[in-house]
N, C-alpha and C. Protein backbone atom coordinates (compact mmCIF):
# COMPACT_ATOMS: atom_id res chain seq x y z
N MET A 1 13.37 11.99 3.47
CA MET A 1 13.09 10.68 2.91
C MET A 1 12.13 10.87 1.73
N ASN A 2 12.49 10.35 0.57
CA ASN A 2 11.61 10.52 -0.57
C ASN A 2 10.59 9.39 -0.66
N SER A 3 9.67 9.50 -1.62
CA SER A 3 8.57 8.55 -1.71
C SER A 3 9.04 7.14 -2.07
N ASN A 4 10.14 7.02 -2.82
CA ASN A 4 10.64 5.68 -3.15
C ASN A 4 11.12 4.96 -1.90
N ILE A 5 11.85 5.65 -1.06
CA ILE A 5 12.35 5.04 0.17
C ILE A 5 11.18 4.70 1.09
N THR A 6 10.19 5.59 1.16
CA THR A 6 9.02 5.33 1.99
C THR A 6 8.29 4.08 1.51
N GLY A 7 8.14 3.94 0.19
CA GLY A 7 7.49 2.75 -0.37
C GLY A 7 8.25 1.48 -0.04
N LEU A 8 9.57 1.53 -0.13
CA LEU A 8 10.39 0.35 0.21
C LEU A 8 10.24 -0.01 1.68
N ARG A 9 10.22 1.00 2.55
CA ARG A 9 10.08 0.73 3.99
C ARG A 9 8.70 0.16 4.32
N ILE A 10 7.66 0.66 3.65
CA ILE A 10 6.32 0.12 3.88
C ILE A 10 6.25 -1.33 3.40
N GLY A 11 6.79 -1.60 2.22
CA GLY A 11 6.83 -2.98 1.71
C GLY A 11 7.60 -3.90 2.63
N SER A 12 8.72 -3.42 3.13
CA SER A 12 9.52 -4.21 4.06
C SER A 12 8.75 -4.53 5.34
N THR A 13 8.04 -3.54 5.83
CA THR A 13 7.25 -3.74 7.05
C THR A 13 6.14 -4.77 6.83
N ILE A 14 5.49 -4.70 5.68
CA ILE A 14 4.42 -5.67 5.37
C ILE A 14 5.00 -7.08 5.28
N PHE A 15 6.13 -7.23 4.58
CA PHE A 15 6.77 -8.55 4.53
C PHE A 15 7.18 -9.02 5.92
N GLY A 16 7.64 -8.11 6.76
CA GLY A 16 8.01 -8.46 8.13
C GLY A 16 6.82 -8.95 8.94
N LEU A 17 5.68 -8.31 8.77
CA LEU A 17 4.47 -8.74 9.48
C LEU A 17 4.00 -10.11 9.01
N VAL A 18 4.08 -10.37 7.71
CA VAL A 18 3.72 -11.69 7.19
C VAL A 18 4.69 -12.74 7.72
N CYS A 19 5.96 -12.39 7.81
CA CYS A 19 6.97 -13.29 8.36
C CYS A 19 6.63 -13.65 9.82
N LEU A 20 6.25 -12.65 10.60
CA LEU A 20 5.86 -12.91 11.99
C LEU A 20 4.60 -13.76 12.08
N ALA A 21 3.66 -13.57 11.17
CA ALA A 21 2.45 -14.40 11.15
C ALA A 21 2.79 -15.86 10.86
N GLN A 22 3.72 -16.09 9.93
CA GLN A 22 4.13 -17.46 9.62
C GLN A 22 4.86 -18.09 10.81
N LEU A 23 5.70 -17.30 11.46
CA LEU A 23 6.40 -17.81 12.65
C LEU A 23 5.40 -18.17 13.75
N THR A 24 4.38 -17.34 13.93
CA THR A 24 3.34 -17.61 14.92
C THR A 24 2.62 -18.91 14.60
N ARG A 25 2.33 -19.14 13.32
CA ARG A 25 1.66 -20.38 12.94
C ARG A 25 2.53 -21.59 13.26
N LEU A 26 3.83 -21.47 13.00
CA LEU A 26 4.72 -22.61 13.26
C LEU A 26 4.87 -22.88 14.75
N VAL A 27 4.93 -21.82 15.54
CA VAL A 27 5.13 -22.00 16.99
C VAL A 27 3.87 -22.52 17.67
N THR A 28 2.70 -22.00 17.26
CA THR A 28 1.45 -22.37 17.93
C THR A 28 0.74 -23.55 17.28
N HIS A 29 1.25 -24.04 16.15
CA HIS A 29 0.66 -25.17 15.42
C HIS A 29 -0.78 -24.89 15.02
N LEU A 30 -1.04 -23.67 14.53
CA LEU A 30 -2.37 -23.32 14.05
C LEU A 30 -2.66 -24.07 12.76
N GLU A 31 -3.89 -24.54 12.64
CA GLU A 31 -4.30 -25.25 11.43
C GLU A 31 -4.89 -24.25 10.45
N VAL A 32 -4.48 -24.34 9.20
CA VAL A 32 -4.99 -23.48 8.14
C VAL A 32 -5.67 -24.36 7.11
N LEU A 33 -6.93 -24.03 6.82
CA LEU A 33 -7.69 -24.78 5.82
C LEU A 33 -7.81 -23.95 4.56
N ILE A 34 -7.49 -24.57 3.43
CA ILE A 34 -7.62 -23.94 2.13
C ILE A 34 -8.51 -24.85 1.28
N GLY A 35 -9.70 -24.40 1.02
CA GLY A 35 -10.63 -25.22 0.24
C GLY A 35 -10.96 -26.53 0.92
N GLY A 36 -10.97 -26.53 2.24
CA GLY A 36 -11.28 -27.75 2.99
C GLY A 36 -10.10 -28.66 3.22
N HIS A 37 -8.91 -28.30 2.72
CA HIS A 37 -7.71 -29.11 2.90
C HIS A 37 -6.74 -28.39 3.83
N ARG A 38 -6.10 -29.17 4.70
CA ARG A 38 -5.11 -28.58 5.61
C ARG A 38 -3.84 -28.21 4.87
N ALA A 39 -3.35 -27.00 5.13
CA ALA A 39 -2.07 -26.57 4.56
C ALA A 39 -0.95 -27.16 5.41
N PRO A 40 0.03 -27.81 4.80
CA PRO A 40 1.12 -28.40 5.58
C PRO A 40 2.00 -27.32 6.21
N PHE A 41 2.66 -27.67 7.30
CA PHE A 41 3.49 -26.70 8.02
C PHE A 41 4.74 -26.31 7.25
N TRP A 42 5.21 -27.17 6.36
CA TRP A 42 6.42 -26.82 5.61
C TRP A 42 6.18 -25.61 4.72
N VAL A 43 4.92 -25.40 4.31
CA VAL A 43 4.59 -24.23 3.49
C VAL A 43 4.86 -22.96 4.30
N SER A 44 4.49 -22.98 5.57
CA SER A 44 4.75 -21.81 6.43
C SER A 44 6.25 -21.63 6.65
N GLY A 45 6.99 -22.72 6.70
CA GLY A 45 8.45 -22.61 6.85
C GLY A 45 9.08 -21.93 5.64
N VAL A 46 8.63 -22.32 4.46
CA VAL A 46 9.14 -21.68 3.23
C VAL A 46 8.73 -20.22 3.20
N ALA A 47 7.48 -19.93 3.53
CA ALA A 47 6.99 -18.55 3.55
C ALA A 47 7.75 -17.71 4.57
N LEU A 48 8.08 -18.30 5.70
CA LEU A 48 8.84 -17.59 6.74
C LEU A 48 10.20 -17.16 6.20
N VAL A 49 10.90 -18.06 5.54
CA VAL A 49 12.22 -17.75 5.01
C VAL A 49 12.13 -16.71 3.89
N VAL A 50 11.21 -16.91 2.96
CA VAL A 50 11.10 -16.01 1.81
C VAL A 50 10.70 -14.60 2.25
N THR A 51 9.68 -14.48 3.10
CA THR A 51 9.24 -13.15 3.52
C THR A 51 10.27 -12.48 4.43
N GLY A 52 10.99 -13.27 5.21
CA GLY A 52 12.05 -12.69 6.04
C GLY A 52 13.17 -12.12 5.18
N ILE A 53 13.58 -12.85 4.17
CA ILE A 53 14.62 -12.36 3.27
C ILE A 53 14.14 -11.12 2.51
N MET A 54 12.91 -11.15 2.02
CA MET A 54 12.37 -9.99 1.30
C MET A 54 12.29 -8.76 2.19
N SER A 55 11.89 -8.94 3.43
CA SER A 55 11.79 -7.82 4.36
C SER A 55 13.15 -7.17 4.60
N ILE A 56 14.15 -7.99 4.86
CA ILE A 56 15.50 -7.47 5.11
C ILE A 56 16.05 -6.81 3.85
N TRP A 57 15.85 -7.44 2.70
CA TRP A 57 16.36 -6.91 1.44
C TRP A 57 15.75 -5.55 1.12
N LEU A 58 14.41 -5.45 1.22
CA LEU A 58 13.76 -4.17 0.93
C LEU A 58 14.18 -3.07 1.90
N TRP A 59 14.42 -3.45 3.16
CA TRP A 59 14.82 -2.44 4.16
C TRP A 59 16.22 -1.91 3.88
N THR A 60 17.09 -2.75 3.34
CA THR A 60 18.48 -2.34 3.14
C THR A 60 18.75 -1.71 1.76
N ILE A 61 17.83 -1.82 0.83
CA ILE A 61 18.05 -1.25 -0.51
C ILE A 61 18.38 0.24 -0.45
N PRO A 62 17.66 1.08 0.29
CA PRO A 62 17.99 2.52 0.29
C PRO A 62 19.41 2.82 0.77
N ASN A 63 19.98 1.97 1.60
CA ASN A 63 21.34 2.20 2.11
C ASN A 63 22.38 2.08 1.00
N HIS A 64 22.09 1.34 -0.05
CA HIS A 64 23.04 1.15 -1.14
C HIS A 64 23.12 2.36 -2.06
N PHE A 65 22.10 3.23 -2.01
CA PHE A 65 22.06 4.38 -2.91
C PHE A 65 22.48 5.68 -2.24
N ARG A 66 22.77 5.65 -0.95
CA ARG A 66 23.22 6.85 -0.25
C ARG A 66 24.70 7.04 -0.46
N SER A 67 25.09 8.28 -0.61
CA SER A 67 26.51 8.57 -0.85
C SER A 67 27.18 9.06 0.42
């Protein structure tokens, strides 16, 4: 495994962990304050979808370059 593939896998794992954190917030209804204002739950829903897609995409990129 070369360094490019390793970097993609690490990035994918980080996006996956952020995705799980957003899912945890949605399931447990944790309140997040940003500058004293509550962050709405729909923001976590969008973040869940985006980070999930990014995680899967980065994980599968190396498979497209193998012969």
